[in-house]
Each structure stands twice: as structure tokens, then as C-alpha cells.
PDB file of all heavy atoms in Angstrom:
ATOM      1  N   PRO A   1       1.799  92.811 -34.450  1.00  0.00           N
ATOM      2  CA  PRO A   1       2.688  93.153 -33.211  1.00  0.00           C
ATOM      3  C   PRO A   1       3.067  94.540 -33.134  1.00  0.00           C
ATOM      4  O   PRO A   1       3.128  95.294 -34.151  1.00  0.00           O
ATOM      5  CB  PRO A   1       3.959  92.252 -33.557  1.00  0.00           C
ATOM      6  CG  PRO A   1       4.011  92.216 -35.034  1.00  0.00           C
ATOM      7  CD  PRO A   1       2.557  92.159 -35.513  1.00  0.00           C
ATOM      8  N   LYS A   2       3.284  94.941 -31.873  1.00  0.00           N
ATOM      9  CA  LYS A   2       3.796  96.277 -31.529  1.00  0.00           C
ATOM     10  C   LYS A   2       4.753  96.136 -30.387  1.00  0.00           C
ATOM     11  O   LYS A   2       4.545  95.319 -29.525  1.00  0.00           O
ATOM     12  CB  LYS A   2       2.624  97.238 -31.125  1.00  0.00           C
ATOM     13  CG  LYS A   2       1.711  97.604 -32.251  1.00  0.00           C
ATOM     14  CD  LYS A   2       0.677  98.570 -31.861  1.00  0.00           C
ATOM     15  CE  LYS A   2      -0.302  98.981 -32.970  1.00  0.00           C
ATOM     16  NZ  LYS A   2      -1.614  98.780 -32.719  1.00  0.00           N
ATOM     17  N   ILE A   3       5.803  96.959 -30.435  1.00  0.00           N
ATOM     18  CA  ILE A   3       6.707  97.003 -29.296  1.00  0.00           C
ATOM     19  C   ILE A   3       6.279  98.190 -28.462  1.00  0.00           C
ATOM     20  O   ILE A   3       6.135  99.361 -28.954  1.00  0.00           O
ATOM     21  CB  ILE A   3       8.128  97.235 -29.771  1.00  0.00           C
ATOM     22  CG1 ILE A   3       8.648  95.968 -30.481  1.00  0.00           C
ATOM     23  CG2 ILE A   3       9.104  97.518 -28.541  1.00  0.00           C
ATOM     24  CD1 ILE A   3      10.037  96.144 -31.089  1.00  0.00           C
ATOM     25  N   GLU A   4       5.869  97.910 -27.172  1.00  0.00           N
ATOM     26  CA  GLU A   4       5.438  98.993 -26.284  1.00  0.00           C
ATOM     27  C   GLU A   4       6.577  99.672 -25.575  1.00  0.00           C
ATOM     28  O   GLU A   4       6.516 100.808 -25.185  1.00  0.00           O
ATOM     29  CB  GLU A   4       4.437  98.411 -25.339  1.00  0.00           C
ATOM     30  CG  GLU A   4       3.105  97.978 -25.922  1.00  0.00           C
ATOM     31  CD  GLU A   4       2.090  97.690 -24.961  1.00  0.00           C
ATOM     32  OE1 GLU A   4       2.319  96.959 -23.943  1.00  0.00           O
ATOM     33  OE2 GLU A   4       0.854  98.126 -25.136  1.00  0.00           O
ATOM     34  N   HIS A   5       7.606  98.897 -25.285  1.00  0.00           N
ATOM     35  CA  HIS A   5       8.726  99.415 -24.546  1.00  0.00           C
ATOM     36  C   HIS A   5      10.035  98.695 -24.952  1.00  0.00           C
ATOM     37  O   HIS A   5       9.980  97.447 -25.149  1.00  0.00           O
ATOM     38  CB  HIS A   5       8.589  99.367 -23.020  1.00  0.00           C
ATOM     39  CG  HIS A   5       9.733  99.935 -22.302  1.00  0.00           C
ATOM     40  ND1 HIS A   5       9.878 101.227 -22.169  1.00  0.00           N
ATOM     41  CD2 HIS A   5      10.698  99.349 -21.643  1.00  0.00           C
ATOM     42  CE1 HIS A   5      11.085 101.429 -21.434  1.00  0.00           C
ATOM     43  NE2 HIS A   5      11.578 100.227 -21.107  1.00  0.00           N
ATOM     44  N   GLU A   6      11.132  99.431 -25.097  1.00  0.00           N
ATOM     45  CA  GLU A   6      12.418  98.795 -25.377  1.00  0.00           C
ATOM     46  C   GLU A   6      13.398  99.337 -24.421  1.00  0.00           C
ATOM     47  O   GLU A   6      13.401 100.555 -24.107  1.00  0.00           O
ATOM     48  CB  GLU A   6      12.819  98.965 -26.850  1.00  0.00           C
ATOM     49  CG  GLU A   6      12.697 100.329 -27.404  1.00  0.00           C
ATOM     50  CD  GLU A   6      12.916 100.363 -28.860  1.00  0.00           C
ATOM     51  OE1 GLU A   6      12.347  99.590 -29.569  1.00  0.00           O
ATOM     52  OE2 GLU A   6      13.634 101.243 -29.321  1.00  0.00           O
ATOM     53  N   SER A   7      14.306  98.485 -23.993  1.00  0.00           N
ATOM     54  CA  SER A   7      15.426  98.828 -22.996  1.00  0.00           C
ATOM     55  C   SER A   7      16.416  99.887 -23.715  1.00  0.00           C
ATOM     56  O   SER A   7      16.545  99.757 -24.963  1.00  0.00           O
ATOM     57  CB  SER A   7      16.061  97.659 -22.439  1.00  0.00           C
ATOM     58  OG  SER A   7      16.803  97.062 -23.491  1.00  0.00           O
ATOM     59  N   GLU A   8      16.981 100.573 -22.863  1.00  0.00           N
ATOM     60  CA  GLU A   8      18.079 101.514 -23.494  1.00  0.00           C
ATOM     61  C   GLU A   8      19.281 100.674 -23.690  1.00  0.00           C
ATOM     62  O   GLU A   8      20.133 100.933 -24.562  1.00  0.00           O
ATOM     63  CB  GLU A   8      18.384 102.664 -22.495  1.00  0.00           C
ATOM     64  CG  GLU A   8      17.311 103.729 -22.533  1.00  0.00           C
ATOM     65  CD  GLU A   8      17.659 104.867 -21.554  1.00  0.00           C
ATOM     66  OE1 GLU A   8      18.856 105.233 -21.384  1.00  0.00           O
ATOM     67  OE2 GLU A   8      16.716 105.513 -21.018  1.00  0.00           O
ATOM     68  N   GLU A   9      19.461  99.565 -22.912  1.00  0.00           N
ATOM     69  CA  GLU A   9      20.575  98.744 -23.075  1.00  0.00           C
ATOM     70  C   GLU A   9      20.447  97.938 -24.329  1.00  0.00           C
ATOM     71  O   GLU A   9      19.402  97.428 -24.698  1.00  0.00           O
ATOM     72  CB  GLU A   9      20.675  97.703 -21.828  1.00  0.00           C
ATOM     73  CG  GLU A   9      21.861  96.819 -21.943  1.00  0.00           C
ATOM     74  CD  GLU A   9      21.859  95.798 -20.834  1.00  0.00           C
ATOM     75  OE1 GLU A   9      20.940  95.713 -19.973  1.00  0.00           O
ATOM     76  OE2 GLU A   9      22.860  94.941 -20.842  1.00  0.00           O
ATOM     77  N   LEU A  10      21.558  97.857 -25.132  1.00  0.00           N
ATOM     78  CA  LEU A  10      21.533  97.211 -26.366  1.00  0.00           C
ATOM     79  C   LEU A  10      22.147  95.809 -26.293  1.00  0.00           C
ATOM     80  O   LEU A  10      23.059  95.638 -25.486  1.00  0.00           O
ATOM     81  CB  LEU A  10      22.253  98.058 -27.419  1.00  0.00           C
ATOM     82  CG  LEU A  10      21.676  99.338 -27.762  1.00  0.00           C
ATOM     83  CD1 LEU A  10      22.521 100.159 -28.771  1.00  0.00           C
ATOM     84  CD2 LEU A  10      20.273  99.331 -28.228  1.00  0.00           C
ATOM     85  N   GLY A  11      21.691  94.963 -27.078  1.00  0.00           N
ATOM     86  CA  GLY A  11      22.362  93.583 -27.227  1.00  0.00           C
ATOM     87  C   GLY A  11      22.811  93.409 -28.656  1.00  0.00           C
ATOM     88  O   GLY A  11      22.221  93.965 -29.580  1.00  0.00           O
ATOM     89  N   SER A  12      23.876  92.673 -28.824  1.00  0.00           N
ATOM     90  CA  SER A  12      24.420  92.462 -30.140  1.00  0.00           C
ATOM     91  C   SER A  12      24.285  90.961 -30.442  1.00  0.00           C
ATOM     92  O   SER A  12      24.430  90.046 -29.643  1.00  0.00           O
ATOM     93  CB  SER A  12      25.923  92.778 -30.087  1.00  0.00           C
ATOM     94  OG  SER A  12      26.530  92.431 -31.331  1.00  0.00           O
ATOM     95  N   TYR A  13      23.874  90.703 -31.696  1.00  0.00           N
ATOM     96  CA  TYR A  13      23.624  89.322 -32.142  1.00  0.00           C
ATOM     97  C   TYR A  13      23.983  89.273 -33.664  1.00  0.00           C
ATOM     98  O   TYR A  13      23.846  90.156 -34.420  1.00  0.00           O
ATOM     99  CB  TYR A  13      22.209  88.918 -32.022  1.00  0.00           C
ATOM    100  CG  TYR A  13      22.017  87.399 -31.996  1.00  0.00           C
ATOM    101  CD1 TYR A  13      22.211  86.712 -30.900  1.00  0.00           C
ATOM    102  CD2 TYR A  13      21.635  86.748 -33.151  1.00  0.00           C
ATOM    103  CE1 TYR A  13      22.114  85.308 -30.804  1.00  0.00           C
ATOM    104  CE2 TYR A  13      21.499  85.385 -33.153  1.00  0.00           C
ATOM    105  CZ  TYR A  13      21.751  84.664 -31.978  1.00  0.00           C
ATOM    106  OH  TYR A  13      21.652  83.281 -32.085  1.00  0.00           O
ATOM    107  N   ASN A  14      24.690  88.206 -33.952  1.00  0.00           N
ATOM    108  CA  ASN A  14      25.075  87.917 -35.328  1.00  0.00           C
ATOM    109  C   ASN A  14      23.894  87.407 -36.062  1.00  0.00           C
ATOM    110  O   ASN A  14      23.539  86.178 -36.020  1.00  0.00           O
ATOM    111  CB  ASN A  14      26.278  86.829 -35.352  1.00  0.00           C
ATOM    112  CG  ASN A  14      26.979  86.848 -36.670  1.00  0.00           C
ATOM    113  OD1 ASN A  14      26.966  87.852 -37.407  1.00  0.00           O
ATOM    114  ND2 ASN A  14      27.559  85.747 -37.023  1.00  0.00           N
ATOM    115  N   GLU A  15      23.198  88.214 -36.805  1.00  0.00           N
ATOM    116  CA  GLU A  15      21.893  87.892 -37.413  1.00  0.00           C
ATOM    117  C   GLU A  15      22.167  87.466 -38.873  1.00  0.00           C
ATOM    118  O   GLU A  15      23.037  87.881 -39.579  1.00  0.00           O
ATOM    119  CB  GLU A  15      20.999  89.145 -37.430  1.00  0.00           C
ATOM    120  CG  GLU A  15      20.488  89.541 -36.125  1.00  0.00           C
ATOM    121  CD  GLU A  15      19.495  90.708 -36.206  1.00  0.00           C
ATOM    122  OE1 GLU A  15      18.656  90.725 -37.158  1.00  0.00           O
ATOM    123  OE2 GLU A  15      19.492  91.516 -35.294  1.00  0.00           O
ATOM    124  N   GLY A  16      21.249  86.532 -39.265  1.00  0.00           N
ATOM    125  CA  GLY A  16      21.132  86.138 -40.641  1.00  0.00           C
ATOM    126  C   GLY A  16      19.658  86.231 -41.023  1.00  0.00           C
ATOM    127  O   GLY A  16      18.815  86.511 -40.183  1.00  0.00           O
ATOM    128  N   CYS A  17      19.331  85.857 -42.267  1.00  0.00           N
ATOM    129  CA  CYS A  17      17.944  85.909 -42.732  1.00  0.00           C
ATOM    130  C   CYS A  17      17.750  84.826 -43.759  1.00  0.00           C
ATOM    131  O   CYS A  17      18.629  84.745 -44.666  1.00  0.00           O
ATOM    132  CB  CYS A  17      17.720  87.352 -43.238  1.00  0.00           C
ATOM    133  SG  CYS A  17      15.992  87.587 -43.798  1.00  0.00           S
ATOM    134  N   LEU A  18      16.603  84.233 -43.748  1.00  0.00           N
ATOM    135  CA  LEU A  18      16.357  83.133 -44.771  1.00  0.00           C
ATOM    136  C   LEU A  18      16.118  83.809 -46.147  1.00  0.00           C
ATOM    137  O   LEU A  18      16.280  83.153 -47.119  1.00  0.00           O
ATOM    138  CB  LEU A  18      15.030  82.360 -44.353  1.00  0.00           C
ATOM    139  CG  LEU A  18      15.213  81.581 -43.064  1.00  0.00           C
ATOM    140  CD1 LEU A  18      13.783  80.996 -42.674  1.00  0.00           C
ATOM    141  CD2 LEU A  18      16.212  80.535 -43.167  1.00  0.00           C
ATOM    142  N   SER A  19      15.818  85.127 -46.175  1.00  0.00           N
ATOM    143  CA  SER A  19      15.698  85.836 -47.463  1.00  0.00           C
ATOM    144  C   SER A  19      16.971  86.403 -48.008  1.00  0.00           C
ATOM    145  O   SER A  19      17.138  86.901 -49.054  1.00  0.00           O
ATOM    146  CB  SER A  19      14.670  86.941 -47.384  1.00  0.00           C
ATOM    147  OG  SER A  19      13.433  86.387 -47.251  1.00  0.00           O
ATOM    148  N   ILE A  20      18.099  86.319 -47.111  1.00  0.00           N
ATOM    149  CA  ILE A  20      19.395  86.697 -47.467  1.00  0.00           C
ATOM    150  C   ILE A  20      20.406  85.603 -47.149  1.00  0.00           C
ATOM    151  O   ILE A  20      21.161  85.752 -46.225  1.00  0.00           O
ATOM    152  CB  ILE A  20      19.794  88.058 -46.794  1.00  0.00           C
ATOM    153  CG1 ILE A  20      18.641  89.087 -46.965  1.00  0.00           C
ATOM    154  CG2 ILE A  20      21.043  88.638 -47.323  1.00  0.00           C
ATOM    155  CD1 ILE A  20      18.842  90.410 -46.291  1.00  0.00           C
ATOM    156  N   PRO A  21      20.275  84.524 -47.871  1.00  0.00           N
ATOM    157  CA  PRO A  21      21.138  83.333 -47.421  1.00  0.00           C
ATOM    158  C   PRO A  21      22.665  83.579 -47.540  1.00  0.00           C
ATOM    159  O   PRO A  21      23.113  84.348 -48.497  1.00  0.00           O
ATOM    160  CB  PRO A  21      20.693  82.267 -48.386  1.00  0.00           C
ATOM    161  CG  PRO A  21      20.092  82.984 -49.587  1.00  0.00           C
ATOM    162  CD  PRO A  21      19.485  84.273 -48.967  1.00  0.00           C
ATOM    163  N   GLY A  22      23.340  83.107 -46.679  1.00  0.00           N
ATOM    164  CA  GLY A  22      24.821  83.153 -46.683  1.00  0.00           C
ATOM    165  C   GLY A  22      25.416  84.379 -46.105  1.00  0.00           C
ATOM    166  O   GLY A  22      26.648  84.583 -46.086  1.00  0.00           O
ATOM    167  N   ILE A  23      24.594  85.338 -45.674  1.00  0.00           N
ATOM    168  CA  ILE A  23      25.084  86.596 -45.137  1.00  0.00           C
ATOM    169  C   ILE A  23      24.697  86.730 -43.573  1.00  0.00           C
ATOM    170  O   ILE A  23      23.612  86.498 -43.204  1.00  0.00           O
ATOM    171  CB  ILE A  23      24.489  87.844 -45.794  1.00  0.00           C
ATOM    172  CG1 ILE A  23      24.686  87.728 -47.316  1.00  0.00           C
ATOM    173  CG2 ILE A  23      24.941  89.147 -45.257  1.00  0.00           C
ATOM    174  CD1 ILE A  23      25.987  88.184 -47.779  1.00  0.00           C
ATOM    175  N   THR A  24      25.682  86.954 -42.763  1.00  0.00           N
ATOM    176  CA  THR A  24      25.321  87.210 -41.406  1.00  0.00           C
ATOM    177  C   THR A  24      26.140  88.526 -40.954  1.00  0.00           C
ATOM    178  O   THR A  24      27.238  88.742 -41.528  1.00  0.00           O
ATOM    179  CB  THR A  24      25.741  86.079 -40.425  1.00  0.00           C
ATOM    180  OG1 THR A  24      27.234  85.850 -40.529  1.00  0.00           O
ATOM    181  CG2 THR A  24      24.911  84.830 -40.710  1.00  0.00           C
ATOM    182  N   GLU A  25      25.571  89.300 -40.175  1.00  0.00           N
ATOM    183  CA  GLU A  25      26.174  90.526 -39.649  1.00  0.00           C
ATOM    184  C   GLU A  25      25.834  90.745 -38.208  1.00  0.00           C
ATOM    185  O   GLU A  25      24.712  90.418 -37.791  1.00  0.00           O
ATOM    186  CB  GLU A  25      25.735  91.768 -40.491  1.00  0.00           C
ATOM    187  CG  GLU A  25      26.278  91.730 -41.993  1.00  0.00           C
ATOM    188  CD  GLU A  25      27.806  91.888 -42.053  1.00  0.00           C
ATOM    189  OE1 GLU A  25      28.389  92.483 -41.144  1.00  0.00           O
ATOM    190  OE2 GLU A  25      28.351  91.366 -43.091  1.00  0.00           O
ATOM    191  N   GLU A  26      26.714  91.369 -37.468  1.00  0.00           N
ATOM    192  CA  GLU A  26      26.484  91.795 -36.064  1.00  0.00           C
ATOM    193  C   GLU A  26      25.542  92.956 -36.019  1.00  0.00           C
ATOM    194  O   GLU A  26      25.884  93.977 -36.656  1.00  0.00           O
ATOM    195  CB  GLU A  26      27.889  92.052 -35.398  1.00  0.00           C
ATOM    196  CG  GLU A  26      27.855  91.935 -33.915  1.00  0.00           C
ATOM    197  CD  GLU A  26      27.780  90.575 -33.399  1.00  0.00           C
ATOM    198  OE1 GLU A  26      28.208  89.579 -34.154  1.00  0.00           O
ATOM    199  OE2 GLU A  26      27.293  90.369 -32.314  1.00  0.00           O
ATOM    200  N   ILE A  27      24.396  92.814 -35.434  1.00  0.00           N
ATOM    201  CA  ILE A  27      23.430  93.824 -35.321  1.00  0.00           C
ATOM    202  C   ILE A  27      23.118  94.230 -33.879  1.00  0.00           C
ATOM    203  O   ILE A  27      22.911  93.347 -33.068  1.00  0.00           O
ATOM    204  CB  ILE A  27      22.054  93.426 -35.999  1.00  0.00           C
ATOM    205  CG1 ILE A  27      22.294  93.006 -37.447  1.00  0.00           C
ATOM    206  CG2 ILE A  27      21.035  94.513 -35.946  1.00  0.00           C
ATOM    207  CD1 ILE A  27      22.799  94.015 -38.459  1.00  0.00           C
ATOM    208  N   LEU A  28      23.058  95.521 -33.664  1.00  0.00           N
ATOM    209  CA  LEU A  28      22.690  96.049 -32.316  1.00  0.00           C
ATOM    210  C   LEU A  28      21.193  96.330 -32.225  1.00  0.00           C
ATOM    211  O   LEU A  28      20.700  97.044 -33.140  1.00  0.00           O
ATOM    212  CB  LEU A  28      23.474  97.320 -31.978  1.00  0.00           C
ATOM    213  CG  LEU A  28      24.880  97.115 -31.421  1.00  0.00           C
ATOM    214  CD1 LEU A  28      25.562  98.506 -31.316  1.00  0.00           C
ATOM    215  CD2 LEU A  28      24.905  96.402 -30.180  1.00  0.00           C
ATOM    216  N   ARG A  29      20.532  95.867 -31.178  1.00  0.00           N
ATOM    217  CA  ARG A  29      19.096  96.129 -30.964  1.00  0.00           C
ATOM    218  C   ARG A  29      18.835  96.304 -29.549  1.00  0.00           C
ATOM    219  O   ARG A  29      19.643  95.740 -28.667  1.00  0.00           O
ATOM    220  CB  ARG A  29      18.300  94.956 -31.591  1.00  0.00           C
ATOM    221  CG  ARG A  29      18.365  94.780 -33.016  1.00  0.00           C
ATOM    222  CD  ARG A  29      17.399  93.681 -33.422  1.00  0.00           C
ATOM    223  NE  ARG A  29      17.471  93.178 -34.766  1.00  0.00           N
ATOM    224  CZ  ARG A  29      16.765  93.769 -35.785  1.00  0.00           C
ATOM    225  NH1 ARG A  29      15.831  94.698 -35.538  1.00  0.00           N
ATOM    226  NH2 ARG A  29      16.844  93.267 -37.088  1.00  0.00           N
ATOM    227  N   PRO A  30      17.702  96.895 -29.121  1.00  0.00           N
ATOM    228  CA  PRO A  30      17.362  96.819 -27.698  1.00  0.00           C
ATOM    229  C   PRO A  30      17.435  95.420 -27.125  1.00  0.00           C
ATOM    230  O   PRO A  30      16.915  94.481 -27.728  1.00  0.00           O
ATOM    231  CB  PRO A  30      15.937  97.469 -27.639  1.00  0.00           C
ATOM    232  CG  PRO A  30      15.921  98.335 -28.905  1.00  0.00           C
ATOM    233  CD  PRO A  30      16.801  97.576 -29.930  1.00  0.00           C
ATOM    234  N   LYS A  31      18.008  95.332 -25.971  1.00  0.00           N
ATOM    235  CA  LYS A  31      18.165  93.975 -25.357  1.00  0.00           C
ATOM    236  C   LYS A  31      16.896  93.423 -24.903  1.00  0.00           C
ATOM    237  O   LYS A  31      16.663  92.176 -25.017  1.00  0.00           O
ATOM    238  CB  LYS A  31      19.222  94.067 -24.223  1.00  0.00           C
ATOM    239  CG  LYS A  31      19.616  92.793 -23.672  1.00  0.00           C
ATOM    240  CD  LYS A  31      20.698  92.896 -22.692  1.00  0.00           C
ATOM    241  CE  LYS A  31      20.948  91.464 -22.108  1.00  0.00           C
ATOM    242  NZ  LYS A  31      22.034  91.129 -21.497  1.00  0.00           N
TER     243      LYS A  31
END
């Protein structure tokens, strides 16, 4: 995969990860 374009507007999501169980954090990424 490659990202060809990302918006300037950011979205926030409470992310978790199967490799980091029990931890979630609010992360900002292109929306």
C-alpha cells in the first residue's frame, strides 16, 4: 500500500492495537 493523498483536515480516534493489548490512546491522523 501507498497513500497518494491525505487531507489537511485531521480526525481523532481512540486507537488500540492487538500487539499492545489493554492500551488505547487518542491519535490524530489525516481524516
